[in-house]
């Protein structure tokens, strides 16, 4: 019988897809590490497409949450494609796609929220950890790319909300995934606006993509509860 999005549990199909996705991610990391752009153009979107497929074969007990997460993953895939393209003109569309992805994750977490106390704790942790970094980033954007202050500020707020909601959820995979995703985005902001000398540094780009893929994988696996 064919496995569909209604199959209960971590199916064999989901396990196989997760393995294929892991291989695609490793290939993408190698492509980034060796500066093989042609290979990266294939492996990077393939990794997110794999995670979409994995999400569709996991436990459907929270189907509405999963639907929101799938939307987030699809928007992330679109953002990946935009940000891979050469030229600065694709940065804002990519930023918009990822902003939408974080909004979708927030919606997903909100459909099955943690307690008010847990959300407060999550918000306080986010304020303590992410606000200093966010303020530094926005200041750097104001100096170097003033027209982007609004979009970048909105993005910082939305990703902070996503991390706070994930922390309040209390699921280890969600917490790890959200914070790794935020660390990856912080790396992008730092290398693009705060320390532009890092923008083409092989180590920085590799760290960003590894954190990103692990973060997205953690968020997907948080659906298994």
N, C-alpha and C. Protein backbone atom coordinates (compact mmCIF):
# COMPACT_ATOMS: atom_id res chain seq x y z
N UNK A 1 0.85 -1.21 0.00
CA UNK A 1 0.00 0.00 0.00
C UNK A 1 0.88 1.24 0.00
N UNK A 2 0.55 2.20 -0.81
CA UNK A 2 1.35 3.42 -0.90
C UNK A 2 1.27 4.20 0.41
N UNK A 3 2.40 4.78 0.80
CA UNK A 3 2.44 5.60 2.01
C UNK A 3 2.08 7.03 1.64
N UNK A 4 1.14 7.62 2.35
CA UNK A 4 0.71 8.98 2.08
C UNK A 4 0.94 9.84 3.30
N UNK A 5 0.55 11.11 3.21
CA UNK A 5 0.70 12.03 4.32
C UNK A 5 -0.19 11.65 5.50
N UNK A 6 -1.06 10.65 5.35
CA UNK A 6 -1.92 10.24 6.46
C UNK A 6 -1.36 9.03 7.21
N UNK A 7 -0.19 8.55 6.83
CA UNK A 7 0.37 7.38 7.48
C UNK A 7 0.86 7.73 8.87
N UNK A 8 0.47 6.90 9.85
CA UNK A 8 0.82 7.19 11.23
C UNK A 8 2.25 6.78 11.53
N UNK A 9 2.97 7.57 12.29
CA UNK A 9 4.30 7.22 12.78
C UNK A 9 5.41 7.55 11.80
N UNK A 10 6.63 7.17 12.22
CA UNK A 10 7.79 7.35 11.36
C UNK A 10 7.86 6.14 10.44
N UNK A 11 7.32 6.27 9.27
CA UNK A 11 7.21 5.15 8.36
C UNK A 11 8.56 4.80 7.76
N UNK A 12 8.60 3.63 7.13
CA UNK A 12 9.81 3.23 6.41
C UNK A 12 10.11 4.25 5.31
N UNK A 13 9.07 4.72 4.67
CA UNK A 13 9.25 5.74 3.63
C UNK A 13 9.91 6.99 4.20
N UNK A 14 9.45 7.42 5.37
CA UNK A 14 10.03 8.60 6.00
C UNK A 14 11.50 8.37 6.33
N UNK A 15 11.82 7.18 6.81
CA UNK A 15 13.21 6.88 7.14
C UNK A 15 14.09 6.89 5.90
N UNK A 16 13.59 6.31 4.82
CA UNK A 16 14.36 6.30 3.57
C UNK A 16 14.56 7.72 3.05
N UNK A 17 13.48 8.50 3.07
CA UNK A 17 13.57 9.89 2.61
C UNK A 17 14.53 10.70 3.47
N UNK A 18 14.52 10.44 4.77
CA UNK A 18 15.44 11.15 5.65
C UNK A 18 16.88 10.79 5.31
N UNK A 19 17.12 9.52 5.00
CA UNK A 19 18.46 9.11 4.60
C UNK A 19 18.90 9.77 3.31
N UNK A 20 18.00 9.80 2.32
CA UNK A 20 18.31 10.46 1.05
C UNK A 20 18.58 11.94 1.26
N UNK A 21 17.77 12.56 2.11
CA UNK A 21 17.94 13.98 2.41
C UNK A 21 19.27 14.24 3.09
N UNK A 22 19.66 13.35 4.00
CA UNK A 22 20.95 13.50 4.67
C UNK A 22 22.10 13.43 3.67
N UNK A 23 22.00 12.52 2.71
CA UNK A 23 23.03 12.42 1.67
C UNK A 23 23.08 13.71 0.85
N UNK A 24 21.90 14.22 0.47
CA UNK A 24 21.85 15.47 -0.30
C UNK A 24 22.47 16.62 0.48
N UNK A 25 22.20 16.68 1.79
CA UNK A 25 22.77 17.74 2.62
C UNK A 25 24.28 17.64 2.68
N UNK A 26 24.80 16.43 2.85
CA UNK A 26 26.25 16.25 2.92
C UNK A 26 26.90 16.63 1.59
N UNK A 27 26.25 16.26 0.49
CA UNK A 27 26.76 16.66 -0.83
C UNK A 27 26.78 18.18 -0.95
N UNK A 28 25.74 18.83 -0.44
CA UNK A 28 25.70 20.29 -0.48
C UNK A 28 26.82 20.89 0.36
N UNK A 29 27.07 20.32 1.54
CA UNK A 29 28.16 20.82 2.37
C UNK A 29 29.50 20.68 1.65
N UNK A 30 29.69 19.55 0.98
CA UNK A 30 30.92 19.35 0.21
C UNK A 30 31.01 20.37 -0.93
N UNK A 31 29.87 20.63 -1.56
CA UNK A 31 29.85 21.61 -2.66
C UNK A 31 30.24 22.99 -2.16
N UNK A 32 29.69 23.37 -1.00
CA UNK A 32 30.04 24.67 -0.42
C UNK A 32 31.52 24.70 -0.03
N UNK A 33 31.99 23.62 0.59
CA UNK A 33 33.38 23.57 1.04
C UNK A 33 34.38 23.59 -0.09
N UNK A 34 33.98 23.06 -1.26
CA UNK A 34 34.88 23.03 -2.41
C UNK A 34 34.55 24.11 -3.44
N UNK A 35 33.59 24.95 -3.11
CA UNK A 35 33.15 26.04 -4.00
C UNK A 35 32.66 25.52 -5.35
N UNK A 36 31.96 24.41 -5.30
CA UNK A 36 31.39 23.82 -6.52
C UNK A 36 29.96 24.33 -6.68
N UNK A 37 29.82 25.47 -7.33
CA UNK A 37 28.52 26.12 -7.45
C UNK A 37 27.51 25.27 -8.22
N UNK A 38 27.97 24.62 -9.26
CA UNK A 38 27.05 23.82 -10.07
C UNK A 38 26.41 22.71 -9.24
N UNK A 39 27.24 22.04 -8.43
CA UNK A 39 26.72 20.98 -7.57
C UNK A 39 25.82 21.55 -6.48
N UNK A 40 26.19 22.72 -5.97
CA UNK A 40 25.38 23.37 -4.93
C UNK A 40 23.99 23.72 -5.45
N UNK A 41 23.90 24.14 -6.71
CA UNK A 41 22.61 24.50 -7.29
C UNK A 41 21.66 23.30 -7.33
N UNK A 42 22.19 22.10 -7.34
CA UNK A 42 21.36 20.90 -7.33
C UNK A 42 21.10 20.42 -5.90
N UNK A 43 22.17 20.32 -5.11
CA UNK A 43 22.07 19.68 -3.80
C UNK A 43 21.31 20.52 -2.77
N UNK A 44 21.45 21.85 -2.84
CA UNK A 44 20.80 22.68 -1.83
C UNK A 44 19.28 22.62 -1.92
N UNK A 45 18.68 22.87 -3.08
CA UNK A 45 17.21 22.74 -3.13
C UNK A 45 16.74 21.30 -2.95
N UNK A 46 17.56 20.33 -3.37
CA UNK A 46 17.17 18.93 -3.19
C UNK A 46 17.05 18.59 -1.70
N UNK A 47 17.92 19.18 -0.88
CA UNK A 47 17.86 18.92 0.56
C UNK A 47 16.54 19.40 1.15
N UNK A 48 16.13 20.61 0.81
CA UNK A 48 14.85 21.12 1.34
C UNK A 48 13.67 20.37 0.76
N UNK A 49 13.75 20.00 -0.51
CA UNK A 49 12.67 19.20 -1.10
C UNK A 49 12.55 17.87 -0.36
N UNK A 50 13.70 17.30 0.02
CA UNK A 50 13.68 16.07 0.79
C UNK A 50 13.02 16.24 2.15
N UNK A 51 13.30 17.36 2.81
CA UNK A 51 12.69 17.62 4.11
C UNK A 51 11.18 17.82 3.99
N UNK A 52 10.74 18.42 2.90
CA UNK A 52 9.29 18.54 2.66
C UNK A 52 8.68 17.14 2.58
N UNK A 53 9.34 16.26 1.83
CA UNK A 53 8.83 14.90 1.68
C UNK A 53 8.84 14.16 3.01
N UNK A 54 9.89 14.35 3.80
CA UNK A 54 9.95 13.71 5.12
C UNK A 54 8.80 14.19 5.99
N UNK A 55 8.57 15.51 5.99
CA UNK A 55 7.49 16.06 6.82
C UNK A 55 6.14 15.47 6.43
N UNK A 56 5.96 15.16 5.15
CA UNK A 56 4.69 14.62 4.68
C UNK A 56 4.50 13.15 5.02
N UNK A 57 5.51 12.51 5.58
CA UNK A 57 5.38 11.08 5.89
C UNK A 57 5.53 10.80 7.38
N UNK A 58 5.55 11.85 8.19
CA UNK A 58 5.67 11.68 9.63
C UNK A 58 4.30 11.62 10.30
N UNK A 59 4.29 11.43 11.59
CA UNK A 59 3.09 11.28 12.41
C UNK A 59 2.08 12.40 12.16
N UNK A 60 0.87 12.08 11.70
CA UNK A 60 -0.11 13.12 11.39
C UNK A 60 -0.99 13.52 12.57
N UNK A 61 -0.61 13.15 13.80
CA UNK A 61 -1.47 13.45 14.94
C UNK A 61 -1.67 14.95 15.12
N UNK A 62 -0.74 15.74 14.63
CA UNK A 62 -0.89 17.20 14.65
C UNK A 62 -0.83 17.68 13.20
N UNK A 63 -1.82 17.25 12.42
CA UNK A 63 -1.81 17.53 10.99
C UNK A 63 -1.81 19.01 10.66
N UNK A 64 -2.50 19.82 11.46
CA UNK A 64 -2.53 21.25 11.19
C UNK A 64 -1.16 21.88 11.42
N UNK A 65 -0.46 21.41 12.46
CA UNK A 65 0.90 21.91 12.71
C UNK A 65 1.80 21.51 11.56
N UNK A 66 1.69 20.27 11.13
CA UNK A 66 2.54 19.81 10.03
C UNK A 66 2.27 20.60 8.76
N UNK A 67 1.03 20.91 8.48
CA UNK A 67 0.70 21.69 7.29
C UNK A 67 1.42 23.04 7.31
N UNK A 68 1.43 23.69 8.47
CA UNK A 68 2.13 24.97 8.60
C UNK A 68 3.62 24.79 8.41
N UNK A 69 4.17 23.69 8.95
CA UNK A 69 5.60 23.43 8.80
C UNK A 69 5.96 23.16 7.34
N UNK A 70 5.09 22.46 6.63
CA UNK A 70 5.35 22.20 5.21
C UNK A 70 5.36 23.50 4.43
N UNK A 71 4.44 24.40 4.74
CA UNK A 71 4.45 25.73 4.11
C UNK A 71 5.78 26.43 4.40
N UNK A 72 6.25 26.34 5.65
CA UNK A 72 7.52 26.96 6.02
C UNK A 72 8.67 26.36 5.22
N UNK A 73 8.66 25.06 5.04
CA UNK A 73 9.74 24.40 4.30
C UNK A 73 9.71 24.77 2.82
N UNK A 74 8.51 24.86 2.24
CA UNK A 74 8.40 25.25 0.83
C UNK A 74 8.90 26.68 0.64
N UNK A 75 8.52 27.57 1.54
CA UNK A 75 9.01 28.95 1.46
C UNK A 75 10.52 29.00 1.66
N UNK A 76 11.04 28.16 2.52
CA UNK A 76 12.50 28.09 2.70
C UNK A 76 13.18 27.61 1.43
N UNK A 77 12.58 26.64 0.76
CA UNK A 77 13.11 26.17 -0.51
C UNK A 77 13.16 27.29 -1.54
N UNK A 78 12.08 28.06 -1.60
CA UNK A 78 12.05 29.21 -2.51
C UNK A 78 13.14 30.21 -2.13
N UNK A 79 13.28 30.47 -0.83
CA UNK A 79 14.33 31.38 -0.37
C UNK A 79 15.71 30.88 -0.71
N UNK A 80 15.92 29.57 -0.59
CA UNK A 80 17.22 28.99 -0.95
C UNK A 80 17.55 29.27 -2.41
N UNK A 81 16.57 29.08 -3.27
CA UNK A 81 16.80 29.30 -4.70
C UNK A 81 17.15 30.76 -4.97
N UNK A 82 16.41 31.69 -4.36
CA UNK A 82 16.70 33.10 -4.56
C UNK A 82 18.12 33.45 -4.08
N UNK A 83 18.48 32.97 -2.90
CA UNK A 83 19.77 33.35 -2.32
C UNK A 83 20.95 32.67 -3.00
N UNK A 84 20.70 31.60 -3.75
CA UNK A 84 21.77 30.97 -4.51
C UNK A 84 22.12 31.76 -5.76
N UNK A 85 21.15 32.48 -6.28
CA UNK A 85 21.34 33.17 -7.55
C UNK A 85 22.35 34.31 -7.41
N UNK A 86 23.17 34.53 -8.43
CA UNK A 86 24.17 35.60 -8.36
C UNK A 86 23.51 36.98 -8.42
N UNK A 87 24.12 37.93 -7.73
CA UNK A 87 23.61 39.29 -7.75
C UNK A 87 22.82 39.64 -6.51
N UNK A 88 22.94 40.89 -6.08
CA UNK A 88 22.28 41.34 -4.86
C UNK A 88 20.77 41.50 -5.02
N UNK A 89 20.29 41.57 -6.27
CA UNK A 89 18.85 41.83 -6.46
C UNK A 89 17.98 40.69 -5.95
N UNK A 90 18.56 39.52 -5.71
CA UNK A 90 17.78 38.38 -5.23
C UNK A 90 17.73 38.30 -3.72
N UNK A 91 18.49 39.19 -3.04
CA UNK A 91 18.55 39.10 -1.58
C UNK A 91 17.20 39.41 -0.94
N UNK A 92 16.55 40.47 -1.37
CA UNK A 92 15.27 40.86 -0.76
C UNK A 92 14.18 39.81 -1.02
N UNK A 93 14.03 39.29 -2.25
CA UNK A 93 13.06 38.20 -2.42
C UNK A 93 13.38 36.98 -1.55
N UNK A 94 14.66 36.67 -1.41
CA UNK A 94 15.04 35.56 -0.54
C UNK A 94 14.70 35.84 0.91
N UNK A 95 14.98 37.07 1.33
CA UNK A 95 14.66 37.48 2.70
C UNK A 95 13.15 37.39 2.95
N UNK A 96 12.37 37.84 1.97
CA UNK A 96 10.91 37.79 2.11
C UNK A 96 10.41 36.36 2.21
N UNK A 97 10.99 35.47 1.42
CA UNK A 97 10.57 34.06 1.47
C UNK A 97 10.87 33.46 2.84
N UNK A 98 12.04 33.74 3.38
CA UNK A 98 12.39 33.19 4.68
C UNK A 98 11.60 33.85 5.80
N UNK A 99 11.27 35.13 5.65
CA UNK A 99 10.41 35.77 6.64
C UNK A 99 9.06 35.06 6.67
N UNK A 100 8.53 34.77 5.48
CA UNK A 100 7.28 34.02 5.42
C UNK A 100 7.41 32.64 6.04
N UNK A 101 8.57 32.01 5.86
CA UNK A 101 8.80 30.69 6.45
C UNK A 101 8.75 30.75 7.97
N UNK A 102 9.37 31.76 8.54
CA UNK A 102 9.36 31.89 10.00
C UNK A 102 7.95 32.20 10.51
N UNK A 103 7.20 33.00 9.76
CA UNK A 103 5.80 33.25 10.14
C UNK A 103 5.02 31.94 10.13
N UNK A 104 5.25 31.11 9.12
CA UNK A 104 4.55 29.82 9.05
C UNK A 104 4.93 28.93 10.23
N UNK A 105 6.20 28.94 10.62
CA UNK A 105 6.61 28.17 11.80
C UNK A 105 5.92 28.70 13.06
N UNK A 106 5.85 30.03 13.19
CA UNK A 106 5.16 30.62 14.35
C UNK A 106 3.70 30.17 14.37
N UNK A 107 3.05 30.19 13.21
CA UNK A 107 1.66 29.74 13.12
C UNK A 107 1.56 28.28 13.56
N UNK A 108 2.49 27.45 13.09
CA UNK A 108 2.47 26.04 13.47
C UNK A 108 2.61 25.83 14.96
N UNK A 109 3.56 26.52 15.56
CA UNK A 109 3.74 26.40 17.01
C UNK A 109 2.51 26.92 17.76
N UNK A 110 1.89 27.96 17.22
CA UNK A 110 0.73 28.57 17.89
C UNK A 110 -0.51 27.68 17.84
N UNK A 111 -0.54 26.77 16.88
CA UNK A 111 -1.68 25.85 16.78
C UNK A 111 -1.70 24.82 17.91
N UNK A 112 -0.53 24.61 18.51
CA UNK A 112 -0.44 23.68 19.64
C UNK A 112 0.51 24.31 20.67
N UNK A 113 0.13 25.44 21.26
CA UNK A 113 1.06 26.25 22.05
C UNK A 113 1.40 25.62 23.39
N UNK A 114 2.55 26.04 23.91
CA UNK A 114 2.90 25.68 25.28
C UNK A 114 2.16 26.59 26.25
N UNK A 115 2.47 26.48 27.52
CA UNK A 115 1.81 27.32 28.52
C UNK A 115 2.29 28.76 28.41
N UNK A 116 1.52 29.66 29.00
CA UNK A 116 1.92 31.06 29.02
C UNK A 116 3.24 31.26 29.73
N UNK A 117 3.45 30.50 30.79
CA UNK A 117 4.71 30.60 31.53
C UNK A 117 5.89 30.16 30.67
N UNK A 118 5.69 29.08 29.90
CA UNK A 118 6.75 28.59 29.03
C UNK A 118 7.07 29.62 27.94
N UNK A 119 6.03 30.26 27.40
CA UNK A 119 6.25 31.28 26.38
C UNK A 119 7.01 32.47 26.96
N UNK A 120 6.68 32.84 28.20
CA UNK A 120 7.38 33.95 28.86
C UNK A 120 8.85 33.61 29.05
N UNK A 121 9.12 32.39 29.49
CA UNK A 121 10.51 31.96 29.67
C UNK A 121 11.24 31.99 28.33
N UNK A 122 10.58 31.47 27.29
CA UNK A 122 11.19 31.48 25.96
C UNK A 122 11.48 32.88 25.48
N UNK A 123 10.53 33.79 25.70
CA UNK A 123 10.72 35.18 25.28
C UNK A 123 11.88 35.83 26.03
N UNK A 124 11.99 35.56 27.32
CA UNK A 124 13.08 36.15 28.11
C UNK A 124 14.44 35.63 27.65
N UNK A 125 14.51 34.34 27.35
CA UNK A 125 15.77 33.77 26.85
C UNK A 125 16.14 34.40 25.52
N UNK A 126 15.16 34.52 24.64
CA UNK A 126 15.41 35.12 23.33
C UNK A 126 15.86 36.57 23.47
N UNK A 127 15.20 37.32 24.35
CA UNK A 127 15.59 38.71 24.56
C UNK A 127 17.03 38.81 25.04
N UNK A 128 17.41 37.93 25.95
CA UNK A 128 18.77 37.99 26.50
C UNK A 128 19.82 37.61 25.47
N UNK A 129 19.50 36.64 24.62
CA UNK A 129 20.51 36.11 23.69
C UNK A 129 20.49 36.83 22.35
N UNK A 130 19.30 37.09 21.81
CA UNK A 130 19.20 37.55 20.43
C UNK A 130 19.13 39.05 20.26
N UNK A 131 18.65 39.77 21.26
CA UNK A 131 18.51 41.23 21.10
C UNK A 131 19.86 41.91 20.85
N UNK A 132 20.91 41.61 21.63
CA UNK A 132 22.19 42.27 21.35
C UNK A 132 22.68 42.03 19.92
N UNK A 133 22.55 40.79 19.46
CA UNK A 133 22.97 40.47 18.09
C UNK A 133 22.10 41.19 17.07
N UNK A 134 20.79 41.22 17.32
CA UNK A 134 19.89 41.88 16.40
C UNK A 134 20.13 43.37 16.31
N UNK A 135 20.38 44.01 17.45
CA UNK A 135 20.66 45.45 17.46
C UNK A 135 21.94 45.74 16.69
N UNK A 136 22.97 44.93 16.91
CA UNK A 136 24.23 45.14 16.18
C UNK A 136 24.03 44.98 14.68
N UNK A 137 23.23 44.00 14.30
CA UNK A 137 22.97 43.77 12.88
C UNK A 137 22.23 44.94 12.25
N UNK A 138 21.17 45.42 12.91
CA UNK A 138 20.39 46.52 12.35
C UNK A 138 21.24 47.78 12.24
N UNK A 139 22.09 48.03 13.22
CA UNK A 139 22.98 49.19 13.14
C UNK A 139 23.93 49.07 11.95
N UNK A 140 24.45 47.87 11.72
CA UNK A 140 25.35 47.66 10.59
C UNK A 140 24.61 47.85 9.27
N UNK A 141 23.37 47.37 9.20
CA UNK A 141 22.57 47.55 7.99
C UNK A 141 22.30 49.03 7.74
N UNK A 142 22.02 49.77 8.80
CA UNK A 142 21.76 51.20 8.66
C UNK A 142 22.99 51.91 8.07
N UNK A 143 24.17 51.46 8.43
CA UNK A 143 25.40 52.09 7.92
C UNK A 143 25.71 51.69 6.48
N UNK A 144 25.44 50.45 6.15
CA UNK A 144 25.92 49.92 4.86
C UNK A 144 24.84 49.72 3.81
N UNK A 145 23.59 49.56 4.24
CA UNK A 145 22.50 49.29 3.29
C UNK A 145 21.20 49.82 3.88
N UNK A 146 21.12 51.14 4.04
CA UNK A 146 20.00 51.77 4.74
C UNK A 146 18.62 51.36 4.23
N UNK A 147 18.41 51.17 2.91
CA UNK A 147 17.06 50.78 2.46
C UNK A 147 16.60 49.42 2.99
N UNK A 148 17.53 48.62 3.50
CA UNK A 148 17.17 47.30 3.99
C UNK A 148 16.88 47.27 5.49
N UNK A 149 16.96 48.42 6.15
CA UNK A 149 16.75 48.45 7.60
C UNK A 149 15.37 47.89 7.97
N UNK A 150 14.34 48.32 7.25
CA UNK A 150 12.99 47.85 7.55
C UNK A 150 12.83 46.35 7.38
N UNK A 151 13.16 45.81 6.19
CA UNK A 151 13.03 44.36 6.00
C UNK A 151 13.87 43.54 6.97
N UNK A 152 15.10 43.97 7.22
CA UNK A 152 15.96 43.21 8.13
C UNK A 152 15.43 43.27 9.56
N UNK A 153 14.95 44.45 9.98
CA UNK A 153 14.38 44.58 11.33
C UNK A 153 13.17 43.67 11.49
N UNK A 154 12.31 43.64 10.47
CA UNK A 154 11.13 42.77 10.53
C UNK A 154 11.56 41.31 10.62
N UNK A 155 12.59 40.96 9.88
CA UNK A 155 13.08 39.58 9.89
C UNK A 155 13.60 39.20 11.27
N UNK A 156 14.35 40.10 11.89
CA UNK A 156 14.90 39.84 13.22
C UNK A 156 13.77 39.60 14.22
N UNK A 157 12.72 40.41 14.15
CA UNK A 157 11.59 40.26 15.07
C UNK A 157 10.89 38.92 14.85
N UNK A 158 10.68 38.56 13.59
CA UNK A 158 9.93 37.33 13.30
C UNK A 158 10.73 36.09 13.69
N UNK A 159 12.03 36.08 13.41
CA UNK A 159 12.80 34.89 13.79
C UNK A 159 12.92 34.79 15.31
N UNK A 160 12.98 35.93 15.99
CA UNK A 160 12.98 35.90 17.46
C UNK A 160 11.68 35.30 17.99
N UNK A 161 10.56 35.68 17.36
CA UNK A 161 9.27 35.12 17.76
C UNK A 161 9.22 33.62 17.51
N UNK A 162 9.78 33.18 16.38
CA UNK A 162 9.81 31.76 16.08
C UNK A 162 10.60 30.98 17.12
N UNK A 163 11.76 31.50 17.49
CA UNK A 163 12.60 30.82 18.48
C UNK A 163 11.92 30.79 19.84
N UNK A 164 11.27 31.89 20.21
CA UNK A 164 10.56 31.94 21.49
C UNK A 164 9.42 30.92 21.52
N UNK A 165 8.67 30.83 20.42
CA UNK A 165 7.56 29.86 20.36
C UNK A 165 8.07 28.43 20.39
N UNK A 166 9.18 28.17 19.70
CA UNK A 166 9.76 26.83 19.71
C UNK A 166 10.24 26.46 21.10
N UNK A 167 10.85 27.41 21.78
CA UNK A 167 11.33 27.17 23.14
C UNK A 167 10.16 26.88 24.07
N UNK A 168 9.07 27.63 23.90
CA UNK A 168 7.88 27.42 24.73
C UNK A 168 7.23 26.07 24.46
N UNK A 169 7.40 25.55 23.26
CA UNK A 169 6.81 24.27 22.89
C UNK A 169 7.32 23.14 23.77
N UNK A 170 8.59 23.27 24.19
CA UNK A 170 9.16 22.28 25.10
C UNK A 170 9.63 21.01 24.44
N UNK A 171 9.60 20.96 23.12
CA UNK A 171 10.07 19.78 22.38
C UNK A 171 11.56 19.97 22.06
N UNK A 172 12.37 18.99 22.44
CA UNK A 172 13.81 19.12 22.27
C UNK A 172 14.23 19.35 20.83
N UNK A 173 13.61 18.60 19.90
CA UNK A 173 13.94 18.79 18.49
C UNK A 173 13.59 20.20 18.02
N UNK A 174 12.42 20.69 18.44
CA UNK A 174 12.00 22.03 18.03
C UNK A 174 12.93 23.10 18.58
N UNK A 175 13.30 22.96 19.85
CA UNK A 175 14.18 23.94 20.47
C UNK A 175 15.54 23.96 19.78
N UNK A 176 16.12 22.77 19.60
CA UNK A 176 17.43 22.69 18.94
C UNK A 176 17.34 23.21 17.51
N UNK A 177 16.29 22.81 16.79
CA UNK A 177 16.15 23.24 15.41
C UNK A 177 16.01 24.74 15.27
N UNK A 178 15.18 25.34 16.11
CA UNK A 178 14.96 26.79 16.03
C UNK A 178 16.23 27.57 16.34
N UNK A 179 16.94 27.16 17.38
CA UNK A 179 18.16 27.88 17.74
C UNK A 179 19.26 27.69 16.69
N UNK A 180 19.36 26.50 16.10
CA UNK A 180 20.34 26.29 15.04
C UNK A 180 20.00 27.12 13.81
N UNK A 181 18.72 27.19 13.48
CA UNK A 181 18.26 28.02 12.36
C UNK A 181 18.62 29.48 12.63
N UNK A 182 18.36 29.94 13.84
CA UNK A 182 18.68 31.32 14.20
C UNK A 182 20.18 31.57 14.13
N UNK A 183 20.97 30.60 14.56
CA UNK A 183 22.43 30.75 14.49
C UNK A 183 22.89 30.87 13.04
N UNK A 184 22.28 30.08 12.16
CA UNK A 184 22.62 30.16 10.74
C UNK A 184 22.28 31.54 10.17
N UNK A 185 21.08 32.03 10.49
CA UNK A 185 20.68 33.35 10.01
C UNK A 185 21.57 34.45 10.59
N UNK A 186 21.98 34.29 11.84
CA UNK A 186 22.90 35.25 12.44
C UNK A 186 24.21 35.27 11.66
N UNK A 187 24.67 34.09 11.27
CA UNK A 187 25.90 34.02 10.48
C UNK A 187 25.76 34.73 9.15
N UNK A 188 24.60 34.58 8.51
CA UNK A 188 24.37 35.28 7.24
C UNK A 188 24.41 36.79 7.45
N UNK A 189 23.72 37.26 8.49
CA UNK A 189 23.70 38.70 8.77
C UNK A 189 25.08 39.23 9.10
N UNK A 190 25.82 38.49 9.92
CA UNK A 190 27.17 38.92 10.29
C UNK A 190 28.06 39.01 9.06
N UNK A 191 28.02 37.98 8.21
CA UNK A 191 28.93 37.94 7.07
C UNK A 191 28.54 38.93 5.97
N UNK A 192 27.27 39.28 5.92
CA UNK A 192 26.84 40.19 4.86
C UNK A 192 26.94 41.66 5.27
N UNK A 193 26.65 41.96 6.53
CA UNK A 193 26.56 43.36 6.94
C UNK A 193 27.57 43.78 8.01
N UNK A 194 27.84 42.91 8.97
CA UNK A 194 28.72 43.28 10.08
C UNK A 194 30.17 43.03 9.75
N UNK A 195 30.47 41.85 9.21
CA UNK A 195 31.84 41.48 8.83
C UNK A 195 31.84 41.00 7.38
N UNK A 196 31.72 41.92 6.43
CA UNK A 196 31.61 41.52 5.03
C UNK A 196 32.81 40.74 4.52
N UNK A 197 33.94 40.82 5.23
CA UNK A 197 35.11 40.04 4.81
C UNK A 197 34.86 38.54 4.95
N UNK A 198 33.82 38.18 5.70
CA UNK A 198 33.47 36.77 5.86
C UNK A 198 32.57 36.26 4.74
N UNK A 199 32.06 37.16 3.91
CA UNK A 199 30.99 36.79 2.98
C UNK A 199 31.38 35.67 2.02
N UNK A 200 32.65 35.62 1.66
CA UNK A 200 33.09 34.56 0.75
C UNK A 200 34.07 33.61 1.42
N UNK A 201 34.14 33.67 2.75
CA UNK A 201 35.04 32.77 3.48
C UNK A 201 34.45 31.36 3.48
N UNK A 202 35.25 30.41 3.08
CA UNK A 202 34.75 29.04 2.94
C UNK A 202 34.22 28.49 4.26
N UNK A 203 34.96 28.73 5.34
CA UNK A 203 34.54 28.22 6.65
C UNK A 203 33.23 28.81 7.11
N UNK A 204 33.05 30.12 6.88
CA UNK A 204 31.82 30.78 7.31
C UNK A 204 30.63 30.25 6.53
N UNK A 205 30.78 30.14 5.22
CA UNK A 205 29.67 29.63 4.39
C UNK A 205 29.32 28.20 4.75
N UNK A 206 30.33 27.40 5.05
CA UNK A 206 30.08 26.00 5.41
C UNK A 206 29.35 25.91 6.74
N UNK A 207 29.79 26.71 7.72
CA UNK A 207 29.12 26.70 9.03
C UNK A 207 27.66 27.13 8.89
N UNK A 208 27.41 28.13 8.08
CA UNK A 208 26.04 28.64 7.89
C UNK A 208 25.13 27.56 7.31
N UNK A 209 25.60 26.86 6.28
CA UNK A 209 24.73 25.87 5.64
C UNK A 209 24.53 24.64 6.51
N UNK A 210 25.57 24.23 7.25
CA UNK A 210 25.42 23.08 8.15
C UNK A 210 24.41 23.39 9.25
N UNK A 211 24.54 24.56 9.87
CA UNK A 211 23.60 24.95 10.92
C UNK A 211 22.18 25.04 10.38
N UNK A 212 22.05 25.57 9.18
CA UNK A 212 20.74 25.73 8.56
C UNK A 212 20.06 24.38 8.33
N UNK A 213 20.79 23.47 7.72
CA UNK A 213 20.19 22.16 7.44
C UNK A 213 19.85 21.40 8.72
N UNK A 214 20.75 21.45 9.70
CA UNK A 214 20.47 20.77 10.96
C UNK A 214 19.27 21.41 11.66
N UNK A 215 19.18 22.74 11.58
CA UNK A 215 18.04 23.42 12.18
C UNK A 215 16.72 23.03 11.54
N UNK A 216 16.68 23.03 10.23
CA UNK A 216 15.45 22.65 9.53
C UNK A 216 15.09 21.19 9.82
N UNK A 217 16.10 20.33 9.86
CA UNK A 217 15.85 18.92 10.16
C UNK A 217 15.28 18.76 11.57
N UNK A 218 15.81 19.51 12.52
CA UNK A 218 15.29 19.46 13.88
C UNK A 218 13.83 19.87 13.95
N UNK A 219 13.49 20.92 13.23
CA UNK A 219 12.09 21.38 13.22
C UNK A 219 11.18 20.32 12.60
N UNK A 220 11.63 19.68 11.54
CA UNK A 220 10.83 18.62 10.93
C UNK A 220 10.64 17.45 11.91
N UNK A 221 11.73 17.04 12.55
CA UNK A 221 11.65 15.90 13.46
C UNK A 221 10.82 16.20 14.71
N UNK A 222 10.63 17.48 15.00
CA UNK A 222 9.80 17.84 16.16
C UNK A 222 8.34 17.46 15.93
N UNK A 223 7.97 17.17 14.69
CA UNK A 223 6.60 16.75 14.40
C UNK A 223 6.31 15.35 14.94
N UNK A 224 7.35 14.58 15.23
CA UNK A 224 7.19 13.23 15.78
C UNK A 224 7.10 13.35 17.28
N UNK A 225 5.89 13.31 17.83
CA UNK A 225 5.71 13.51 19.27
C UNK A 225 4.78 12.47 19.83
